[in-house]
Amino acid sequence: MTWRPALSRGVVLHHDRVRETDLLLLPERVVVLRGSAGSVLRLCDGTRAVDAIVAELGGRYPDAPVAGEVPDFLAALRKEGWLA
């Protein structure tokens, strides 16, 4: 896949140190990210294609099913309008 995901305009990835969790800050809304979602979104800087993100995460988490889950996760966030 050649899409190079990046956070949409107005969307901010924030780490809440008090709660030890990652958040997506949206206009008039906050989304609490679970598990490794924040790690995935930190790689969405507009320079890496989805395949490169999957490869990077596959190296970090060799036993995780990133090849099957990450593209679907990113597509769902794109559909919500949170990724461009």
PDB file of N, CA and C in Angstrom:
ATOM      1  N   MET A   1       0.844  -1.176   0.000  1.00  0.00           N
ATOM      2  CA  MET A   1       0.000   0.000   0.000  1.00  0.00           C
ATOM      3  C   MET A   1       0.893   1.245   0.000  1.00  0.00           C
ATOM      4  N   THR A   2       0.635   2.208  -0.875  1.00  0.00           N
ATOM      5  CA  THR A   2       1.495   3.379  -0.995  1.00  0.00           C
ATOM      6  C   THR A   2       1.018   4.571  -0.174  1.00  0.00           C
ATOM      7  N   TRP A   3      -0.116   4.458   0.462  1.00  0.00           N
ATOM      8  CA  TRP A   3      -0.618   5.535   1.311  1.00  0.00           C
ATOM      9  C   TRP A   3       0.386   5.808   2.428  1.00  0.00           C
ATOM     10  N   ARG A   4       0.695   7.063   2.663  1.00  0.00           N
ATOM     11  CA  ARG A   4       1.615   7.496   3.720  1.00  0.00           C
ATOM     12  C   ARG A   4       0.807   8.252   4.775  1.00  0.00           C
ATOM     13  N   PRO A   5       0.287   7.508   5.765  1.00  0.00           N
ATOM     14  CA  PRO A   5      -0.630   8.130   6.732  1.00  0.00           C
ATOM     15  C   PRO A   5       0.043   9.167   7.613  1.00  0.00           C
ATOM     16  N   ALA A   6      -0.727  10.187   7.917  1.00  0.00           N
ATOM     17  CA  ALA A   6      -0.322  11.246   8.848  1.00  0.00           C
ATOM     18  C   ALA A   6      -1.577  11.689   9.588  1.00  0.00           C
ATOM     19  N   LEU A   7      -1.399  12.197  10.782  1.00  0.00           N
ATOM     20  CA  LEU A   7      -2.544  12.713  11.528  1.00  0.00           C
ATOM     21  C   LEU A   7      -3.194  13.843  10.739  1.00  0.00           C
ATOM     22  N   SER A   8      -4.500  13.838  10.718  1.00  0.00           N
ATOM     23  CA  SER A   8      -5.239  14.886  10.025  1.00  0.00           C
ATOM     24  C   SER A   8      -5.055  16.220  10.747  1.00  0.00           C
ATOM     25  N   ARG A   9      -5.325  17.258  10.022  1.00  0.00           N
ATOM     26  CA  ARG A   9      -5.240  18.595  10.593  1.00  0.00           C
ATOM     27  C   ARG A   9      -6.165  18.705  11.795  1.00  0.00           C
ATOM     28  N   GLY A  10      -5.670  19.229  12.882  1.00  0.00           N
ATOM     29  CA  GLY A  10      -6.466  19.388  14.091  1.00  0.00           C
ATOM     30  C   GLY A  10      -6.418  18.195  15.025  1.00  0.00           C
ATOM     31  N   VAL A  11      -5.748  17.116  14.615  1.00  0.00           N
ATOM     32  CA  VAL A  11      -5.626  15.914  15.443  1.00  0.00           C
ATOM     33  C   VAL A  11      -4.224  15.885  16.045  1.00  0.00           C
ATOM     34  N   VAL A  12      -4.149  15.692  17.360  1.00  0.00           N
ATOM     35  CA  VAL A  12      -2.865  15.690  18.066  1.00  0.00           C
ATOM     36  C   VAL A  12      -2.744  14.407  18.870  1.00  0.00           C
ATOM     37  N   LEU A  13      -1.596  13.757  18.756  1.00  0.00           N
ATOM     38  CA  LEU A  13      -1.292  12.595  19.583  1.00  0.00           C
ATOM     39  C   LEU A  13      -0.597  13.095  20.834  1.00  0.00           C
ATOM     40  N   HIS A  14      -1.124  12.717  21.986  1.00  0.00           N
ATOM     41  CA  HIS A  14      -0.615  13.219  23.267  1.00  0.00           C
ATOM     42  C   HIS A  14      -0.462  12.057  24.243  1.00  0.00           C
ATOM     43  N   HIS A  15       0.637  12.042  24.981  1.00  0.00           N
ATOM     44  CA  HIS A  15       0.812  11.034  26.028  1.00  0.00           C
ATOM     45  C   HIS A  15       0.463  11.669  27.369  1.00  0.00           C
ATOM     46  N   ASP A  16      -0.521  11.098  28.048  1.00  0.00           N
ATOM     47  CA  ASP A  16      -0.940  11.581  29.365  1.00  0.00           C
ATOM     48  C   ASP A  16      -0.103  10.857  30.413  1.00  0.00           C
ATOM     49  N   ARG A  17       0.820  11.573  31.010  1.00  0.00           N
ATOM     50  CA  ARG A  17       1.723  10.953  31.991  1.00  0.00           C
ATOM     51  C   ARG A  17       1.008  10.543  33.271  1.00  0.00           C
ATOM     52  N   VAL A  18      -0.038  11.242  33.631  1.00  0.00           N
ATOM     53  CA  VAL A  18      -0.779  10.910  34.850  1.00  0.00           C
ATOM     54  C   VAL A  18      -1.472   9.561  34.692  1.00  0.00           C
ATOM     55  N   ARG A  19      -2.133   9.372  33.563  1.00  0.00           N
ATOM     56  CA  ARG A  19      -2.862   8.116  33.319  1.00  0.00           C
ATOM     57  C   ARG A  19      -2.001   7.052  32.640  1.00  0.00           C
ATOM     58  N   GLU A  20      -0.790   7.449  32.212  1.00  0.00           N
ATOM     59  CA  GLU A  20       0.104   6.546  31.485  1.00  0.00           C
ATOM     60  C   GLU A  20      -0.585   5.925  30.272  1.00  0.00           C
ATOM     61  N   THR A  21      -1.214   6.793  29.485  1.00  0.00           N
ATOM     62  CA  THR A  21      -1.894   6.335  28.273  1.00  0.00           C
ATOM     63  C   THR A  21      -1.756   7.387  27.188  1.00  0.00           C
ATOM     64  N   ASP A  22      -1.921   6.947  25.954  1.00  0.00           N
ATOM     65  CA  ASP A  22      -1.888   7.865  24.824  1.00  0.00           C
ATOM     66  C   ASP A  22      -3.306   8.307  24.484  1.00  0.00           C
ATOM     67  N   LEU A  23      -3.404   9.538  24.032  1.00  0.00           N
ATOM     68  CA  LEU A  23      -4.693  10.134  23.681  1.00  0.00           C
ATOM     69  C   LEU A  23      -4.609  10.751  22.295  1.00  0.00           C
ATOM     70  N   LEU A  24      -5.707  10.741  21.578  1.00  0.00           N
ATOM     71  CA  LEU A  24      -5.853  11.546  20.381  1.00  0.00           C
ATOM     72  C   LEU A  24      -6.721  12.731  20.771  1.00  0.00           C
ATOM     73  N   LEU A  25      -6.176  13.906  20.618  1.00  0.00           N
ATOM     74  CA  LEU A  25      -6.926  15.121  20.919  1.00  0.00           C
ATOM     75  C   LEU A  25      -7.513  15.642  19.618  1.00  0.00           C
ATOM     76  N   LEU A  26      -8.827  15.691  19.584  1.00  0.00           N
ATOM     77  CA  LEU A  26      -9.568  16.141  18.409  1.00  0.00           C
ATOM     78  C   LEU A  26     -10.371  17.373  18.796  1.00  0.00           C
ATOM     79  N   PRO A  27     -10.798  18.147  17.826  1.00  0.00           N
ATOM     80  CA  PRO A  27     -11.662  19.271  18.174  1.00  0.00           C
ATOM     81  C   PRO A  27     -12.891  18.782  18.954  1.00  0.00           C
ATOM     82  N   GLU A  28     -13.030  19.262  20.161  1.00  0.00           N
ATOM     83  CA  GLU A  28     -14.171  18.959  21.031  1.00  0.00           C
ATOM     84  C   GLU A  28     -14.317  17.481  21.385  1.00  0.00           C
ATOM     85  N   ARG A  29     -13.196  16.733  21.339  1.00  0.00           N
ATOM     86  CA  ARG A  29     -13.271  15.299  21.625  1.00  0.00           C
ATOM     87  C   ARG A  29     -11.886  14.772  22.004  1.00  0.00           C
ATOM     88  N   VAL A  30     -11.863  13.773  22.875  1.00  0.00           N
ATOM     89  CA  VAL A  30     -10.624  13.089  23.243  1.00  0.00           C
ATOM     90  C   VAL A  30     -10.861  11.591  23.072  1.00  0.00           C
ATOM     91  N   VAL A  31      -9.934  10.920  22.410  1.00  0.00           N
ATOM     92  CA  VAL A  31     -10.023   9.478  22.220  1.00  0.00           C
ATOM     93  C   VAL A  31      -8.878   8.839  23.005  1.00  0.00           C
ATOM     94  N   VAL A  32      -9.222   7.932  23.911  1.00  0.00           N
ATOM     95  CA  VAL A  32      -8.228   7.211  24.695  1.00  0.00           C
ATOM     96  C   VAL A  32      -7.765   6.019  23.866  1.00  0.00           C
ATOM     97  N   LEU A  33      -6.447   5.957  23.630  1.00  0.00           N
ATOM     98  CA  LEU A  33      -5.889   4.862  22.841  1.00  0.00           C
ATOM     99  C   LEU A  33      -5.478   3.723  23.755  1.00  0.00           C
ATOM    100  N   ARG A  34      -5.697   2.535  23.319  1.00  0.00           N
ATOM    101  CA  ARG A  34      -5.384   1.354  24.118  1.00  0.00           C
ATOM    102  C   ARG A  34      -4.229   0.584  23.479  1.00  0.00           C
ATOM    103  N   GLY A  35      -3.561  -0.211  24.304  1.00  0.00           N
ATOM    104  CA  GLY A  35      -2.502  -1.087  23.816  1.00  0.00           C
ATOM    105  C   GLY A  35      -1.407  -0.330  23.097  1.00  0.00           C
ATOM    106  N   SER A  36      -1.032  -0.821  21.934  1.00  0.00           N
ATOM    107  CA  SER A  36       0.080  -0.230  21.183  1.00  0.00           C
ATOM    108  C   SER A  36      -0.382   0.782  20.132  1.00  0.00           C
ATOM    109  N   ALA A  37      -1.620   1.240  20.218  1.00  0.00           N
ATOM    110  CA  ALA A  37      -2.143   2.182  19.226  1.00  0.00           C
ATOM    111  C   ALA A  37      -1.293   3.442  19.129  1.00  0.00           C
ATOM    112  N   GLY A  38      -0.827   3.955  20.266  1.00  0.00           N
ATOM    113  CA  GLY A  38       0.018   5.145  20.249  1.00  0.00           C
ATOM    114  C   GLY A  38       1.328   4.904  19.530  1.00  0.00           C
ATOM    115  N   SER A  39       1.910   3.727  19.726  1.00  0.00           N
ATOM    116  CA  SER A  39       3.161   3.376  19.036  1.00  0.00           C
ATOM    117  C   SER A  39       2.956   3.331  17.525  1.00  0.00           C
ATOM    118  N   VAL A  40       1.829   2.812  17.115  1.00  0.00           N
ATOM    119  CA  VAL A  40       1.517   2.754  15.689  1.00  0.00           C
ATOM    120  C   VAL A  40       1.361   4.173  15.139  1.00  0.00           C
ATOM    121  N   LEU A  41       0.609   5.003  15.834  1.00  0.00           N
ATOM    122  CA  LEU A  41       0.342   6.355  15.336  1.00  0.00           C
ATOM    123  C   LEU A  41       1.577   7.248  15.343  1.00  0.00           C
ATOM    124  N   ARG A  42       2.530   6.978  16.221  1.00  0.00           N
ATOM    125  CA  ARG A  42       3.768   7.761  16.210  1.00  0.00           C
ATOM    126  C   ARG A  42       4.555   7.558  14.915  1.00  0.00           C
ATOM    127  N   LEU A  43       4.330   6.451  14.253  1.00  0.00           N
ATOM    128  CA  LEU A  43       5.000   6.179  12.976  1.00  0.00           C
ATOM    129  C   LEU A  43       4.264   6.806  11.796  1.00  0.00           C
ATOM    130  N   CYS A  44       3.084   7.330  12.035  1.00  0.00           N
ATOM    131  CA  CYS A  44       2.280   7.944  10.976  1.00  0.00           C
ATOM    132  C   CYS A  44       2.635   9.416  10.851  1.00  0.00           C
ATOM    133  N   ASP A  45       3.775   9.668  10.224  1.00  0.00           N
ATOM    134  CA  ASP A  45       4.272  11.034  10.101  1.00  0.00           C
ATOM    135  C   ASP A  45       4.219  11.556   8.672  1.00  0.00           C
ATOM    136  N   GLY A  46       3.602  10.780   7.777  1.00  0.00           N
ATOM    137  CA  GLY A  46       3.484  11.208   6.392  1.00  0.00           C
ATOM    138  C   GLY A  46       4.673  10.845   5.532  1.00  0.00           C
ATOM    139  N   THR A  47       5.725  10.281   6.115  1.00  0.00           N
ATOM    140  CA  THR A  47       6.903   9.902   5.333  1.00  0.00           C
ATOM    141  C   THR A  47       6.972   8.409   5.067  1.00  0.00           C
ATOM    142  N   ARG A  48       6.301   7.608   5.892  1.00  0.00           N
ATOM    143  CA  ARG A  48       6.341   6.152   5.753  1.00  0.00           C
ATOM    144  C   ARG A  48       5.048   5.636   5.133  1.00  0.00           C
ATOM    145  N   ALA A  49       5.181   4.730   4.188  1.00  0.00           N
ATOM    146  CA  ALA A  49       4.022   4.037   3.637  1.00  0.00           C
ATOM    147  C   ALA A  49       3.563   2.994   4.658  1.00  0.00           C
ATOM    148  N   VAL A  50       2.347   2.520   4.498  1.00  0.00           N
ATOM    149  CA  VAL A  50       1.790   1.533   5.422  1.00  0.00           C
ATOM    150  C   VAL A  50       2.697   0.304   5.500  1.00  0.00           C
ATOM    151  N   ASP A  51       3.221  -0.140   4.370  1.00  0.00           N
ATOM    152  CA  ASP A  51       4.106  -1.311   4.366  1.00  0.00           C
ATOM    153  C   ASP A  51       5.346  -1.082   5.224  1.00  0.00           C
ATOM    154  N   ALA A  52       5.895   0.125   5.199  1.00  0.00           N
ATOM    155  CA  ALA A  52       7.069   0.447   6.019  1.00  0.00           C
ATOM    156  C   ALA A  52       6.704   0.482   7.503  1.00  0.00           C
ATOM    157  N   ILE A  53       5.529   0.975   7.813  1.00  0.00           N
ATOM    158  CA  ILE A  53       5.065   0.989   9.203  1.00  0.00           C
ATOM    159  C   ILE A  53       4.903  -0.440   9.705  1.00  0.00           C
ATOM    160  N   VAL A  54       4.311  -1.289   8.888  1.00  0.00           N
ATOM    161  CA  VAL A  54       4.136  -2.699   9.254  1.00  0.00           C
ATOM    162  C   VAL A  54       5.496  -3.366   9.458  1.00  0.00           C
ATOM    163  N   ALA A  55       6.447  -3.091   8.571  1.00  0.00           N
ATOM    164  CA  ALA A  55       7.783  -3.679   8.696  1.00  0.00           C
ATOM    165  C   ALA A  55       8.468  -3.217   9.980  1.00  0.00           C
ATOM    166  N   GLU A  56       8.370  -1.941  10.286  1.00  0.00           N
ATOM    167  CA  GLU A  56       8.969  -1.394  11.514  1.00  0.00           C
ATOM    168  C   GLU A  56       8.368  -2.051  12.750  1.00  0.00           C
ATOM    169  N   LEU A  57       7.061  -2.134  12.785  1.00  0.00           N
ATOM    170  CA  LEU A  57       6.388  -2.740  13.938  1.00  0.00           C
ATOM    171  C   LEU A  57       6.645  -4.245  14.011  1.00  0.00           C
ATOM    172  N   GLY A  58       6.756  -4.899  12.861  1.00  0.00           N
ATOM    173  CA  GLY A  58       7.074  -6.321  12.843  1.00  0.00           C
ATOM    174  C   GLY A  58       8.438  -6.599  13.447  1.00  0.00           C
ATOM    175  N   GLY A  59       9.383  -5.679  13.239  1.00  0.00           N
ATOM    176  CA  GLY A  59      10.702  -5.814  13.853  1.00  0.00           C
ATOM    177  C   GLY A  59      10.661  -5.593  15.351  1.00  0.00           C
ATOM    178  N   ARG A  60       9.833  -4.676  15.779  1.00  0.00           N
ATOM    179  CA  ARG A  60       9.718  -4.385  17.214  1.00  0.00           C
ATOM    180  C   ARG A  60       8.949  -5.470  17.966  1.00  0.00           C
ATOM    181  N   TYR A  61       7.914  -5.975  17.327  1.00  0.00           N
ATOM    182  CA  TYR A  61       7.020  -6.954  17.964  1.00  0.00           C
ATOM    183  C   TYR A  61       6.915  -8.185  17.068  1.00  0.00           C
ATOM    184  N   PRO A  62       7.950  -9.009  17.034  1.00  0.00           N
ATOM    185  CA  PRO A  62       7.981 -10.125  16.070  1.00  0.00           C
ATOM    186  C   PRO A  62       6.874 -11.158  16.252  1.00  0.00           C
ATOM    187  N   ASP A  63       6.314 -11.273  17.425  1.00  0.00           N
ATOM    188  CA  ASP A  63       5.265 -12.277  17.652  1.00  0.00           C
ATOM    189  C   ASP A  63       3.851 -11.723  17.473  1.00  0.00           C
ATOM    190  N   ALA A  64       3.742 -10.441  17.202  1.00  0.00           N
ATOM    191  CA  ALA A  64       2.420  -9.820  17.059  1.00  0.00           C
ATOM    192  C   ALA A  64       1.949  -9.902  15.601  1.00  0.00           C
ATOM    193  N   PRO A  65       0.650 -10.005  15.389  1.00  0.00           N
ATOM    194  CA  PRO A  65       0.101 -10.107  14.032  1.00  0.00           C
ATOM    195  C   PRO A  65      -0.053  -8.739  13.361  1.00  0.00           C
ATOM    196  N   VAL A  66       1.036  -7.976  13.300  1.00  0.00           N
ATOM    197  CA  VAL A  66       0.948  -6.603  12.793  1.00  0.00           C
ATOM    198  C   VAL A  66       0.558  -6.536  11.316  1.00  0.00           C
ATOM    199  N   ALA A  67       1.002  -7.496  10.517  1.00  0.00           N
ATOM    200  CA  ALA A  67       0.710  -7.451   9.079  1.00  0.00           C
ATOM    201  C   ALA A  67      -0.789  -7.534   8.810  1.00  0.00           C
ATOM    202  N   GLY A  68      -1.506  -8.226   9.663  1.00  0.00           N
ATOM    203  CA  GLY A  68      -2.942  -8.348   9.468  1.00  0.00           C
ATOM    204  C   GLY A  68      -3.753  -7.274  10.151  1.00  0.00           C
ATOM    205  N   GLU A  69      -3.245  -6.735  11.257  1.00  0.00           N
ATOM    206  CA  GLU A  69      -4.041  -5.807  12.058  1.00  0.00           C
ATOM    207  C   GLU A  69      -3.757  -4.329  11.790  1.00  0.00           C
ATOM    208  N   VAL A  70      -2.507  -3.988  11.567  1.00  0.00           N
ATOM    209  CA  VAL A  70      -2.146  -2.564  11.437  1.00  0.00           C
ATOM    210  C   VAL A  70      -2.809  -1.907  10.224  1.00  0.00           C
ATOM    211  N   PRO A  71      -2.773  -2.507   9.024  1.00  0.00           N
ATOM    212  CA  PRO A  71      -3.458  -1.846   7.899  1.00  0.00           C
ATOM    213  C   PRO A  71      -4.948  -1.622   8.149  1.00  0.00           C
ATOM    214  N   ASP A  72      -5.611  -2.582   8.786  1.00  0.00           N
ATOM    215  CA  ASP A  72      -7.038  -2.413   9.087  1.00  0.00           C
ATOM    216  C   ASP A  72      -7.258  -1.305  10.110  1.00  0.00           C
ATOM    217  N   PHE A  73      -6.397  -1.256  11.117  1.00  0.00           N
ATOM    218  CA  PHE A  73      -6.475  -0.211  12.143  1.00  0.00           C
ATOM    219  C   PHE A  73      -6.308   1.169  11.511  1.00  0.00           C
ATOM    220  N   LEU A  74      -5.290   1.312  10.667  1.00  0.00           N
ATOM    221  CA  LEU A  74      -5.041   2.606  10.022  1.00  0.00           C
ATOM    222  C   LEU A  74      -6.198   2.984   9.093  1.00  0.00           C
ATOM    223  N   ALA A  75      -6.738   2.014   8.383  1.00  0.00           N
ATOM    224  CA  ALA A  75      -7.873   2.291   7.495  1.00  0.00           C
ATOM    225  C   ALA A  75      -9.092   2.752   8.293  1.00  0.00           C
ATOM    226  N   ALA A  76      -9.309   2.146   9.462  1.00  0.00           N
ATOM    227  CA  ALA A  76     -10.443   2.554  10.302  1.00  0.00           C
ATOM    228  C   ALA A  76     -10.271   3.986  10.794  1.00  0.00           C
ATOM    229  N   LEU A  77      -9.046   4.359  11.172  1.00  0.00           N
ATOM    230  CA  LEU A  77      -8.796   5.725  11.613  1.00  0.00           C
ATOM    231  C   LEU A  77      -8.916   6.720  10.467  1.00  0.00           C
ATOM    232  N   ARG A  78      -8.536   6.283   9.276  1.00  0.00           N
ATOM    233  CA  ARG A  78      -8.697   7.134   8.100  1.00  0.00           C
ATOM    234  C   ARG A  78     -10.177   7.372   7.820  1.00  0.00           C
ATOM    235  N   LYS A  79     -10.978   6.309   7.946  1.00  0.00           N
ATOM    236  CA  LYS A  79     -12.414   6.428   7.719  1.00  0.00           C
ATOM    237  C   LYS A  79     -13.048   7.391   8.706  1.00  0.00           C
ATOM    238  N   GLU A  80     -12.551   7.402   9.958  1.00  0.00           N
ATOM    239  CA  GLU A  80     -13.042   8.346  10.976  1.00  0.00           C
ATOM    240  C   GLU A  80     -12.629   9.783  10.671  1.00  0.00           C
ATOM    241  N   GLY A  81     -11.624   9.934   9.792  1.00  0.00           N
ATOM    242  CA  GLY A  81     -11.130  11.272   9.461  1.00  0.00           C
ATOM    243  C   GLY A  81      -9.961  11.708  10.323  1.00  0.00           C
ATOM    244  N   TRP A  82      -9.403  10.790  11.110  1.00  0.00           N
ATOM    245  CA  TRP A  82      -8.319  11.129  12.016  1.00  0.00           C
ATOM    246  C   TRP A  82      -6.949  11.007  11.350  1.00  0.00           C
ATOM    247  N   LEU A  83      -6.883  10.288  10.235  1.00  0.00           N
ATOM    248  CA  LEU A  83      -5.642  10.174   9.462  1.00  0.00           C
ATOM    249  C   LEU A  83      -5.895  10.692   8.052  1.00  0.00           C
ATOM    250  N   ALA A  84      -4.887  11.335   7.529  1.00  0.00           N
ATOM    251  CA  ALA A  84      -4.971  11.843   6.151  1.00  0.00           C
ATOM    252  C   ALA A  84      -4.145  10.964   5.248  1.00  0.00           C
TER     253      ALA A  84
END
